[in-house]
C-alpha atoms as a PDB file:
ATOM      1  CA  UNK A   1      66.931 -25.395  26.899  1.00  0.00           C
ATOM      2  CA  UNK A   2      64.212 -26.006  29.385  1.00  0.00           C
ATOM      3  CA  UNK A   3      63.922 -25.952  33.155  1.00  0.00           C
ATOM      4  CA  UNK A   4      62.292 -28.959  34.912  1.00  0.00           C
ATOM      5  CA  UNK A   5      59.633 -28.379  37.512  1.00  0.00           C
ATOM      6  CA  UNK A   6      58.201 -31.678  38.669  1.00  0.00           C
ATOM      7  CA  UNK A   7      56.191 -33.112  35.753  1.00  0.00           C
ATOM      8  CA  UNK A   8      56.419 -29.820  33.767  1.00  0.00           C
ATOM      9  CA  UNK A   9      58.938 -28.493  31.361  1.00  0.00           C
ATOM     10  CA  UNK A  10      59.139 -24.663  31.245  1.00  0.00           C
ATOM     11  CA  UNK A  11      61.093 -23.115  28.388  1.00  0.00           C
ATOM     12  CA  UNK A  12      63.681 -20.676  29.702  1.00  0.00           C
ATOM     13  CA  UNK A  13      64.621 -19.338  26.124  1.00  0.00           C
ATOM     14  CA  UNK A  14      62.914 -19.531  22.721  1.00  0.00           C
ATOM     15  CA  UNK A  15      63.263 -23.051  21.639  1.00  0.00           C
ATOM     16  CA  UNK A  16      63.953 -24.050  17.905  1.00  0.00           C
ATOM     17  CA  UNK A  17      64.792 -27.544  17.024  1.00  0.00           C
ATOM     18  CA  UNK A  18      66.836 -27.313  13.765  1.00  0.00           C
ATOM     19  CA  UNK A  19      66.102 -30.987  12.768  1.00  0.00           C
ATOM     20  CA  UNK A  20      62.504 -30.660  13.007  1.00  0.00           C
ATOM     21  CA  UNK A  21      61.784 -26.958  12.993  1.00  0.00           C
ATOM     22  CA  UNK A  22      59.945 -26.799  16.190  1.00  0.00           C
ATOM     23  CA  UNK A  23      59.272 -23.485  18.070  1.00  0.00           C
ATOM     24  CA  UNK A  24      58.379 -23.241  21.595  1.00  0.00           C
ATOM     25  CA  UNK A  25      58.006 -19.844  23.200  1.00  0.00           C
ATOM     26  CA  UNK A  26      59.843 -19.250  26.583  1.00  0.00           C
ATOM     27  CA  UNK A  27      56.608 -18.871  28.536  1.00  0.00           C
ATOM     28  CA  UNK A  28      55.048 -22.072  27.182  1.00  0.00           C
ATOM     29  CA  UNK A  29      54.628 -24.846  29.762  1.00  0.00           C
ATOM     30  CA  UNK A  30      54.739 -28.523  28.701  1.00  0.00           C
ATOM     31  CA  UNK A  31      54.424 -31.700  30.521  1.00  0.00           C
ATOM     32  CA  UNK A  32      57.339 -34.147  30.171  1.00  0.00           C
ATOM     33  CA  UNK A  33      55.349 -36.753  28.014  1.00  0.00           C
ATOM     34  CA  UNK A  34      54.160 -34.476  25.137  1.00  0.00           C
ATOM     35  CA  UNK A  35      54.959 -35.589  21.592  1.00  0.00           C
ATOM     36  CA  UNK A  36      55.735 -32.989  19.150  1.00  0.00           C
ATOM     37  CA  UNK A  37      55.820 -33.355  15.294  1.00  0.00           C
ATOM     38  CA  UNK A  38      57.697 -31.472  12.686  1.00  0.00           C
ATOM     39  CA  UNK A  39      57.130 -27.772  12.279  1.00  0.00           C
ATOM     40  CA  UNK A  40      55.029 -27.270  15.388  1.00  0.00           C
ATOM     41  CA  UNK A  41      54.711 -23.759  16.834  1.00  0.00           C
ATOM     42  CA  UNK A  42      53.632 -23.219  20.497  1.00  0.00           C
ATOM     43  CA  UNK A  43      53.399 -19.563  21.355  1.00  0.00           C
ATOM     44  CA  UNK A  44      53.401 -17.704  24.863  1.00  0.00           C
ATOM     45  CA  UNK A  45      51.435 -18.861  27.753  1.00  0.00           C
ATOM     46  CA  UNK A  46      50.329 -22.224  26.257  1.00  0.00           C
ATOM     47  CA  UNK A  47      49.902 -24.924  28.770  1.00  0.00           C
ATOM     48  CA  UNK A  48      49.973 -28.541  27.480  1.00  0.00           C
ATOM     49  CA  UNK A  49      49.338 -31.420  29.891  1.00  0.00           C
ATOM     50  CA  UNK A  50      50.620 -34.954  29.966  1.00  0.00           C
ATOM     51  CA  UNK A  51      50.213 -37.537  27.188  1.00  0.00           C
ATOM     52  CA  UNK A  52      49.295 -34.956  24.558  1.00  0.00           C
ATOM     53  CA  UNK A  53      50.157 -35.891  20.941  1.00  0.00           C
ATOM     54  CA  UNK A  54      50.572 -32.843  18.531  1.00  0.00           C
ATOM     55  CA  UNK A  55      51.275 -33.798  14.861  1.00  0.00           C
ATOM     56  CA  UNK A  56      53.283 -32.058  12.217  1.00  0.00           C
ATOM     57  CA  UNK A  57      52.514 -28.467  11.272  1.00  0.00           C
ATOM     58  CA  UNK A  58      50.236 -27.566  14.296  1.00  0.00           C
ATOM     59  CA  UNK A  59      50.076 -23.914  15.419  1.00  0.00           C
ATOM     60  CA  UNK A  60      48.932 -23.117  18.888  1.00  0.00           C
ATOM     61  CA  UNK A  61      48.668 -19.423  19.779  1.00  0.00           C
ATOM     62  CA  UNK A  62      48.956 -17.534  22.951  1.00  0.00           C
ATOM     63  CA  UNK A  63      47.010 -18.432  26.107  1.00  0.00           C
ATOM     64  CA  UNK A  64      45.582 -21.987  25.023  1.00  0.00           C
ATOM     65  CA  UNK A  65      45.230 -25.046  27.373  1.00  0.00           C
ATOM     66  CA  UNK A  66      45.405 -28.582  26.101  1.00  0.00           C
ATOM     67  CA  UNK A  67      44.453 -31.124  28.597  1.00  0.00           C
ATOM     68  CA  UNK A  68      45.705 -34.768  29.204  1.00  0.00           C
ATOM     69  CA  UNK A  69      45.894 -37.378  26.417  1.00  0.00           C
ATOM     70  CA  UNK A  70      44.606 -35.104  23.828  1.00  0.00           C
ATOM     71  CA  UNK A  71      45.432 -35.667  20.199  1.00  0.00           C
ATOM     72  CA  UNK A  72      45.904 -32.764  17.615  1.00  0.00           C
ATOM     73  CA  UNK A  73      46.065 -33.620  13.873  1.00  0.00           C
ATOM     74  CA  UNK A  74      48.361 -32.362  11.203  1.00  0.00           C
ATOM     75  CA  UNK A  75      48.236 -28.517  10.273  1.00  0.00           C
ATOM     76  CA  UNK A  76      45.539 -27.735  12.640  1.00  0.00           C
ATOM     77  CA  UNK A  77      45.403 -24.071  14.059  1.00  0.00           C
ATOM     78  CA  UNK A  78      44.372 -23.282  17.443  1.00  0.00           C
ATOM     79  CA  UNK A  79      43.993 -19.569  17.957  1.00  0.00           C
ATOM     80  CA  UNK A  80      44.142 -17.493  21.151  1.00  0.00           C
ATOM     81  CA  UNK A  81      42.727 -18.603  24.564  1.00  0.00           C
ATOM     82  CA  UNK A  82      41.202 -21.805  23.395  1.00  0.00           C
ATOM     83  CA  UNK A  83      40.665 -24.682  25.920  1.00  0.00           C
ATOM     84  CA  UNK A  84      40.782 -28.235  24.864  1.00  0.00           C
ATOM     85  CA  UNK A  85      39.863 -30.592  27.699  1.00  0.00           C
ATOM     86  CA  UNK A  86      41.175 -34.092  28.479  1.00  0.00           C
ATOM     87  CA  UNK A  87      41.078 -36.840  25.857  1.00  0.00           C
ATOM     88  CA  UNK A  88      39.782 -34.721  23.014  1.00  0.00           C
ATOM     89  CA  UNK A  89      40.666 -35.847  19.478  1.00  0.00           C
ATOM     90  CA  UNK A  90      40.991 -33.298  16.923  1.00  0.00           C
ATOM     91  CA  UNK A  91      41.615 -34.306  13.112  1.00  0.00           C
ATOM     92  CA  UNK A  92      43.676 -32.658  10.482  1.00  0.00           C
ATOM     93  CA  UNK A  93      43.579 -29.053   9.100  1.00  0.00           C
ATOM     94  CA  UNK A  94      41.095 -28.041  11.714  1.00  0.00           C
ATOM     95  CA  UNK A  95      40.825 -24.265  12.737  1.00  0.00           C
ATOM     96  CA  UNK A  96      39.572 -23.187  16.084  1.00  0.00           C
ATOM     97  CA  UNK A  97      38.978 -19.591  16.486  1.00  0.00           C
ATOM     98  CA  UNK A  98      39.735 -17.588  19.544  1.00  0.00           C
ATOM     99  CA  UNK A  99      38.023 -18.688  22.732  1.00  0.00           C
ATOM    100  CA  UNK A 100      36.712 -22.050  21.752  1.00  0.00           C
ATOM    101  CA  UNK A 101      36.171 -24.452  24.523  1.00  0.00           C
ATOM    102  CA  UNK A 102      36.258 -28.156  23.432  1.00  0.00           C
ATOM    103  CA  UNK A 103      35.239 -30.994  25.863  1.00  0.00           C
ATOM    104  CA  UNK A 104      33.863 -28.990  28.808  1.00  0.00           C
ATOM    105  CA  UNK A 105      31.508 -30.873  31.340  1.00  0.00           C
ATOM    106  CA  UNK A 106      28.314 -31.625  29.825  1.00  0.00           C
ATOM    107  CA  UNK A 107      25.151 -30.267  31.260  1.00  0.00           C
ATOM    108  CA  UNK A 108      23.741 -33.123  33.353  1.00  0.00           C
ATOM    109  CA  UNK A 109      21.878 -32.733  36.752  1.00  0.00           C
ATOM    110  CA  UNK A 110      19.201 -34.592  38.769  1.00  0.00           C
ATOM    111  CA  UNK A 111      17.518 -33.885  42.149  1.00  0.00           C
ATOM    112  CA  UNK A 112      18.170 -35.842  45.065  1.00  0.00           C
ATOM    113  CA  UNK A 113      15.807 -36.903  47.774  1.00  0.00           C
ATOM    114  CA  UNK A 114      16.317 -33.510  49.596  1.00  0.00           C
ATOM    115  CA  UNK A 115      15.528 -31.679  46.190  1.00  0.00           C
ATOM    116  CA  UNK A 116      19.162 -30.559  45.770  1.00  0.00           C
ATOM    117  CA  UNK A 117      20.682 -30.461  42.178  1.00  0.00           C
ATOM    118  CA  UNK A 118      23.212 -33.084  41.790  1.00  0.00           C
ATOM    119  CA  UNK A 119      25.841 -33.278  39.197  1.00  0.00           C
ATOM    120  CA  UNK A 120      25.724 -36.259  36.728  1.00  0.00           C
ATOM    121  CA  UNK A 121      29.316 -37.147  35.897  1.00  0.00           C
ATOM    122  CA  UNK A 122      30.263 -36.430  32.330  1.00  0.00           C
ATOM    123  CA  UNK A 123      32.957 -39.061  31.495  1.00  0.00           C
ATOM    124  CA  UNK A 124      32.994 -39.180  27.633  1.00  0.00           C
ATOM    125  CA  UNK A 125      35.088 -37.102  25.352  1.00  0.00           C
ATOM    126  CA  UNK A 126      34.894 -35.126  22.022  1.00  0.00           C
ATOM    127  CA  UNK A 127      36.107 -36.197  18.536  1.00  0.00           C
ATOM    128  CA  UNK A 128      36.428 -33.835  15.705  1.00  0.00           C
ATOM    129  CA  UNK A 129      37.048 -34.724  12.144  1.00  0.00           C
ATOM    130  CA  UNK A 130      39.369 -33.415   9.484  1.00  0.00           C
ATOM    131  CA  UNK A 131      38.856 -29.852   7.879  1.00  0.00           C
ATOM    132  CA  UNK A 132      36.402 -28.736  10.566  1.00  0.00           C
ATOM    133  CA  UNK A 133      36.221 -24.880  11.389  1.00  0.00           C
ATOM    134  CA  UNK A 134      34.649 -23.805  14.619  1.00  0.00           C
ATOM    135  CA  UNK A 135      33.982 -19.820  15.255  1.00  0.00           C
ATOM    136  CA  UNK A 136      35.072 -17.855  18.321  1.00  0.00           C
ATOM    137  CA  UNK A 137      33.580 -18.618  21.792  1.00  0.00           C
ATOM    138  CA  UNK A 138      31.705 -21.760  20.582  1.00  0.00           C
ATOM    139  CA  UNK A 139      31.527 -24.550  23.159  1.00  0.00           C
ATOM    140  CA  UNK A 140      31.466 -28.293  22.376  1.00  0.00           C
ATOM    141  CA  UNK A 141      30.641 -30.381  25.525  1.00  0.00           C
ATOM    142  CA  UNK A 142      32.120 -33.942  26.147  1.00  0.00           C
ATOM    143  CA  UNK A 143      29.633 -36.824  26.339  1.00  0.00           C
ATOM    144  CA  UNK A 144      28.052 -38.104  29.295  1.00  0.00           C
ATOM    145  CA  UNK A 145      29.155 -41.459  28.097  1.00  0.00           C
ATOM    146  CA  UNK A 146      30.741 -42.223  24.706  1.00  0.00           C
ATOM    147  CA  UNK A 147      31.600 -39.211  22.519  1.00  0.00           C
ATOM    148  CA  UNK A 148      30.324 -35.830  21.209  1.00  0.00           C
ATOM    149  CA  UNK A 149      31.279 -36.042  17.357  1.00  0.00           C
ATOM    150  CA  UNK A 150      31.792 -33.401  14.561  1.00  0.00           C
ATOM    151  CA  UNK A 151      32.528 -35.133  11.363  1.00  0.00           C
ATOM    152  CA  UNK A 152      34.809 -34.041   8.445  1.00  0.00           C
ATOM    153  CA  UNK A 153      34.212 -30.674   6.894  1.00  0.00           C
ATOM    154  CA  UNK A 154      31.680 -29.304   9.190  1.00  0.00           C
ATOM    155  CA  UNK A 155      31.575 -25.563   9.730  1.00  0.00           C
ATOM    156  CA  UNK A 156      30.310 -23.975  13.000  1.00  0.00           C
ATOM    157  CA  UNK A 157      29.963 -20.331  13.551  1.00  0.00           C
ATOM    158  CA  UNK A 158      30.687 -18.117  16.603  1.00  0.00           C
ATOM    159  CA  UNK A 159      28.792 -18.382  19.940  1.00  0.00           C
ATOM    160  CA  UNK A 160      27.339 -21.820  19.253  1.00  0.00           C
ATOM    161  CA  UNK A 161      26.479 -24.223  22.041  1.00  0.00           C
ATOM    162  CA  UNK A 162      26.976 -28.113  21.300  1.00  0.00           C
ATOM    163  CA  UNK A 163      25.684 -30.072  23.987  1.00  0.00           C
ATOM    164  CA  UNK A 164      26.829 -33.528  25.181  1.00  0.00           C
ATOM    165  CA  UNK A 165      26.509 -36.744  22.871  1.00  0.00           C
ATOM    166  CA  UNK A 166      25.581 -34.700  19.937  1.00  0.00           C
ATOM    167  CA  UNK A 167      26.704 -35.773  16.322  1.00  0.00           C
ATOM    168  CA  UNK A 168      27.140 -33.206  13.564  1.00  0.00           C
ATOM    169  CA  UNK A 169      27.512 -34.732  10.203  1.00  0.00           C
ATOM    170  CA  UNK A 170      30.011 -34.150   7.269  1.00  0.00           C
ATOM    171  CA  UNK A 171      29.976 -30.581   5.609  1.00  0.00           C
ATOM    172  CA  UNK A 172      27.051 -29.347   7.705  1.00  0.00           C
ATOM    173  CA  UNK A 173      27.017 -25.609   8.116  1.00  0.00           C
ATOM    174  CA  UNK A 174      25.892 -24.040  11.355  1.00  0.00           C
ATOM    175  CA  UNK A 175      25.669 -20.264  11.736  1.00  0.00           C
ATOM    176  CA  UNK A 176      26.230 -18.244  14.949  1.00  0.00           C
ATOM    177  CA  UNK A 177      24.093 -18.034  17.833  1.00  0.00           C
ATOM    178  CA  UNK A 178      22.722 -21.709  17.621  1.00  0.00           C
ATOM    179  CA  UNK A 179      21.837 -23.830  20.603  1.00  0.00           C
ATOM    180  CA  UNK A 180      21.925 -27.648  20.155  1.00  0.00           C
ATOM    181  CA  UNK A 181      20.519 -29.651  23.058  1.00  0.00           C
ATOM    182  CA  UNK A 182      22.100 -33.027  24.113  1.00  0.00           C
ATOM    183  CA  UNK A 183      21.922 -36.241  22.070  1.00  0.00           C
ATOM    184  CA  UNK A 184      20.792 -34.742  18.845  1.00  0.00           C
ATOM    185  CA  UNK A 185      21.866 -36.373  15.469  1.00  0.00           C
ATOM    186  CA  UNK A 186      22.319 -33.805  12.742  1.00  0.00           C
ATOM    187  CA  UNK A 187      22.918 -35.313   9.325  1.00  0.00           C
ATOM    188  CA  UNK A 188      25.362 -34.380   6.530  1.00  0.00           C
ATOM    189  CA  UNK A 189      25.077 -31.166   4.397  1.00  0.00           C
ATOM    190  CA  UNK A 190      22.542 -29.735   6.648  1.00  0.00           C
ATOM    191  CA  UNK A 191      22.259 -26.068   6.963  1.00  0.00           C
ATOM    192  CA  UNK A 192      21.406 -24.435  10.265  1.00  0.00           C
ATOM    193  CA  UNK A 193      20.531 -20.706  10.243  1.00  0.00           C
ATOM    194  CA  UNK A 194      21.513 -17.995  12.681  1.00  0.00           C
ATOM    195  CA  UNK A 195      19.669 -18.438  16.106  1.00  0.00           C
ATOM    196  CA  UNK A 196      18.187 -21.800  15.511  1.00  0.00           C
ATOM    197  CA  UNK A 197      17.280 -23.626  18.860  1.00  0.00           C
ATOM    198  CA  UNK A 198      16.851 -27.349  19.126  1.00  0.00           C
ATOM    199  CA  UNK A 199      15.331 -29.425  21.844  1.00  0.00           C
ATOM    200  CA  UNK A 200      17.116 -32.732  22.816  1.00  0.00           C
ATOM    201  CA  UNK A 201      17.082 -36.165  21.483  1.00  0.00           C
ATOM    202  CA  UNK A 202      15.969 -35.370  17.957  1.00  0.00           C
ATOM    203  CA  UNK A 203      17.370 -36.309  14.393  1.00  0.00           C
ATOM    204  CA  UNK A 204      17.846 -33.668  11.557  1.00  0.00           C
ATOM    205  CA  UNK A 205      17.978 -35.615   8.337  1.00  0.00           C
ATOM    206  CA  UNK A 206      20.731 -35.054   5.864  1.00  0.00           C
ATOM    207  CA  UNK A 207      20.306 -32.104   3.561  1.00  0.00           C
ATOM    208  CA  UNK A 208      17.747 -30.307   5.647  1.00  0.00           C
ATOM    209  CA  UNK A 209      17.604 -26.433   5.779  1.00  0.00           C
ATOM    210  CA  UNK A 210      16.683 -24.729   8.990  1.00  0.00           C
ATOM    211  CA  UNK A 211      15.876 -21.088   8.419  1.00  0.00           C
ATOM    212  CA  UNK A 212      17.174 -18.548  10.970  1.00  0.00           C
ATOM    213  CA  UNK A 213      15.576 -18.449  14.328  1.00  0.00           C
ATOM    214  CA  UNK A 214      13.636 -21.652  13.668  1.00  0.00           C
ATOM    215  CA  UNK A 215      12.579 -23.601  16.761  1.00  0.00           C
ATOM    216  CA  UNK A 216      13.210 -27.292  16.199  1.00  0.00           C
ATOM    217  CA  UNK A 217      11.075 -29.427  18.501  1.00  0.00           C
ATOM    218  CA  UNK A 218      10.674 -32.777  16.580  1.00  0.00           C
ATOM    219  CA  UNK A 219      12.467 -34.923  14.036  1.00  0.00           C
ATOM    220  CA  UNK A 220      13.324 -33.127  10.717  1.00  0.00           C
ATOM    221  CA  UNK A 221      13.182 -35.236   7.658  1.00  0.00           C
ATOM    222  CA  UNK A 222      15.908 -35.365   5.004  1.00  0.00           C
ATOM    223  CA  UNK A 223      15.992 -32.452   2.669  1.00  0.00           C
ATOM    224  CA  UNK A 224      13.181 -30.560   4.467  1.00  0.00           C
ATOM    225  CA  UNK A 225      13.003 -26.827   4.764  1.00  0.00           C
ATOM    226  CA  UNK A 226      11.887 -25.610   8.342  1.00  0.00           C
ATOM    227  CA  UNK A 227      10.874 -22.234   9.254  1.00  0.00           C
ATOM    228  CA  UNK A 228       9.373 -20.356  12.370  1.00  0.00           C
ATOM    229  CA  UNK A 229       8.606 -21.587  15.837  1.00  0.00           C
ATOM    230  CA  UNK A 230       7.681 -24.325  16.338  1.00  0.00           C
ATOM    231  CA  UNK A 231       9.332 -25.430  13.037  1.00  0.00           C
ATOM    232  CA  UNK A 232       7.163 -26.095  10.216  1.00  0.00           C
ATOM    233  CA  UNK A 233       7.177 -26.202   6.351  1.00  0.00           C
ATOM    234  CA  UNK A 234       7.117 -22.915   4.259  1.00  0.00           C
ATOM    235  CA  UNK A 235       3.389 -22.946   3.294  1.00  0.00           C
ATOM    236  CA  UNK A 236       2.295 -23.433   6.930  1.00  0.00           C
ATOM    237  CA  UNK A 237       4.832 -20.890   7.979  1.00  0.00           C
ATOM    238  CA  UNK A 238       3.512 -18.425   5.378  1.00  0.00           C
ATOM    239  CA  UNK A 239       0.027 -18.784   6.594  1.00  0.00           C
ATOM    240  CA  UNK A 240       0.983 -18.275  10.199  1.00  0.00           C
ATOM    241  CA  UNK A 241       2.966 -15.005   9.137  1.00  0.00           C
ATOM    242  CA  UNK A 242       0.062 -13.703   7.208  1.00  0.00           C
ATOM    243  CA  UNK A 243      -2.583 -14.473   9.779  1.00  0.00           C
ATOM    244  CA  UNK A 244      -0.392 -12.799  12.484  1.00  0.00           C
ATOM    245  CA  UNK A 245      -0.027  -9.695  10.311  1.00  0.00           C
ATOM    246  CA  UNK A 246      -3.800  -9.465   9.884  1.00  0.00           C
ATOM    247  CA  UNK A 247      -4.585  -9.756  13.702  1.00  0.00           C
ATOM    248  CA  UNK A 248      -4.854  -5.895  14.335  1.00  0.00           C
ATOM    249  CA  UNK A 249      -7.495  -5.453  11.747  1.00  0.00           C
ATOM    250  CA  UNK A 250      -9.354  -8.750  12.821  1.00  0.00           C
ATOM    251  CA  UNK A 251      -9.227  -7.532  16.496  1.00  0.00           C
ATOM    252  CA  UNK A 252     -10.775  -4.036  15.400  1.00  0.00           C
ATOM    253  CA  UNK A 253     -13.603  -5.932  13.413  1.00  0.00           C
ATOM    254  CA  UNK A 254     -14.286  -8.199  16.489  1.00  0.00           C
ATOM    255  CA  UNK A 255     -14.638  -4.931  18.678  1.00  0.00           C
ATOM    256  CA  UNK A 256     -16.990  -3.314  16.188  1.00  0.00           C
ATOM    257  CA  UNK A 257     -19.207  -6.495  15.918  1.00  0.00           C
ATOM    258  CA  UNK A 258     -19.438  -6.709  19.826  1.00  0.00           C
ATOM    259  CA  UNK A 259     -20.332  -2.955  20.034  1.00  0.00           C
ATOM    260  CA  UNK A 260     -23.245  -3.453  17.376  1.00  0.00           C
ATOM    261  CA  UNK A 261     -24.327  -6.741  19.319  1.00  0.00           C
ATOM    262  CA  UNK A 262     -24.373  -4.958  22.705  1.00  0.00           C
ATOM    263  CA  UNK A 263     -26.218  -1.867  21.076  1.00  0.00           C
ATOM    264  CA  UNK A 264     -28.992  -4.313  19.818  1.00  0.00           C
END
């Protein structure tokens, strides 16, 4: 049984549909044009806006918000306090850990003639494929135009920023604390280590391995191994590292040579 309040339906008691095994907590708020598949579970304080389609077996836990015209695929799990903004498309068997934000406004500003920062409208959306897992407090921005895309089987850790118009390929693994700037194209089966940072508008080829804390400032070829900042191959990185370690001794030798020269 539900109470109508304008365009919203507020559950007054725990709702269980015997024919489709649907559970809706009394504190959930659903718009009138929400489509629910079989076996859907909607827990306390969930808000679902108009035009949302939720397929069979989806579980949405406490405190989540799902915006207008979103689609959630079969057997997806959305944990506590996630926000899924309007027109987002999520595939089957996706897992969103607590606090994930999908489809937030992309970062786009330009100065006007007065020097003030003006917001560039971000009118695109986000598409997430099947079997994707996204860690806690990760954000995926909607596109300025078109779509931000995460393809099938990708795994993204916690506290990752995926900016507008980014594409992440199939089965790519991105560990935590990674920052991906706008319009990047990351291929399939890429490994991105903890703390990697990427500038915008670059391509990372399929099968590449980006070591933890690497700084990616230019295109990465397929299968490449990238280390350090700015990112480079392992041999160059090793030379940089060894040279850096030798700097204190080198500095001391230079000081001694200067003293000898001055003494002469």
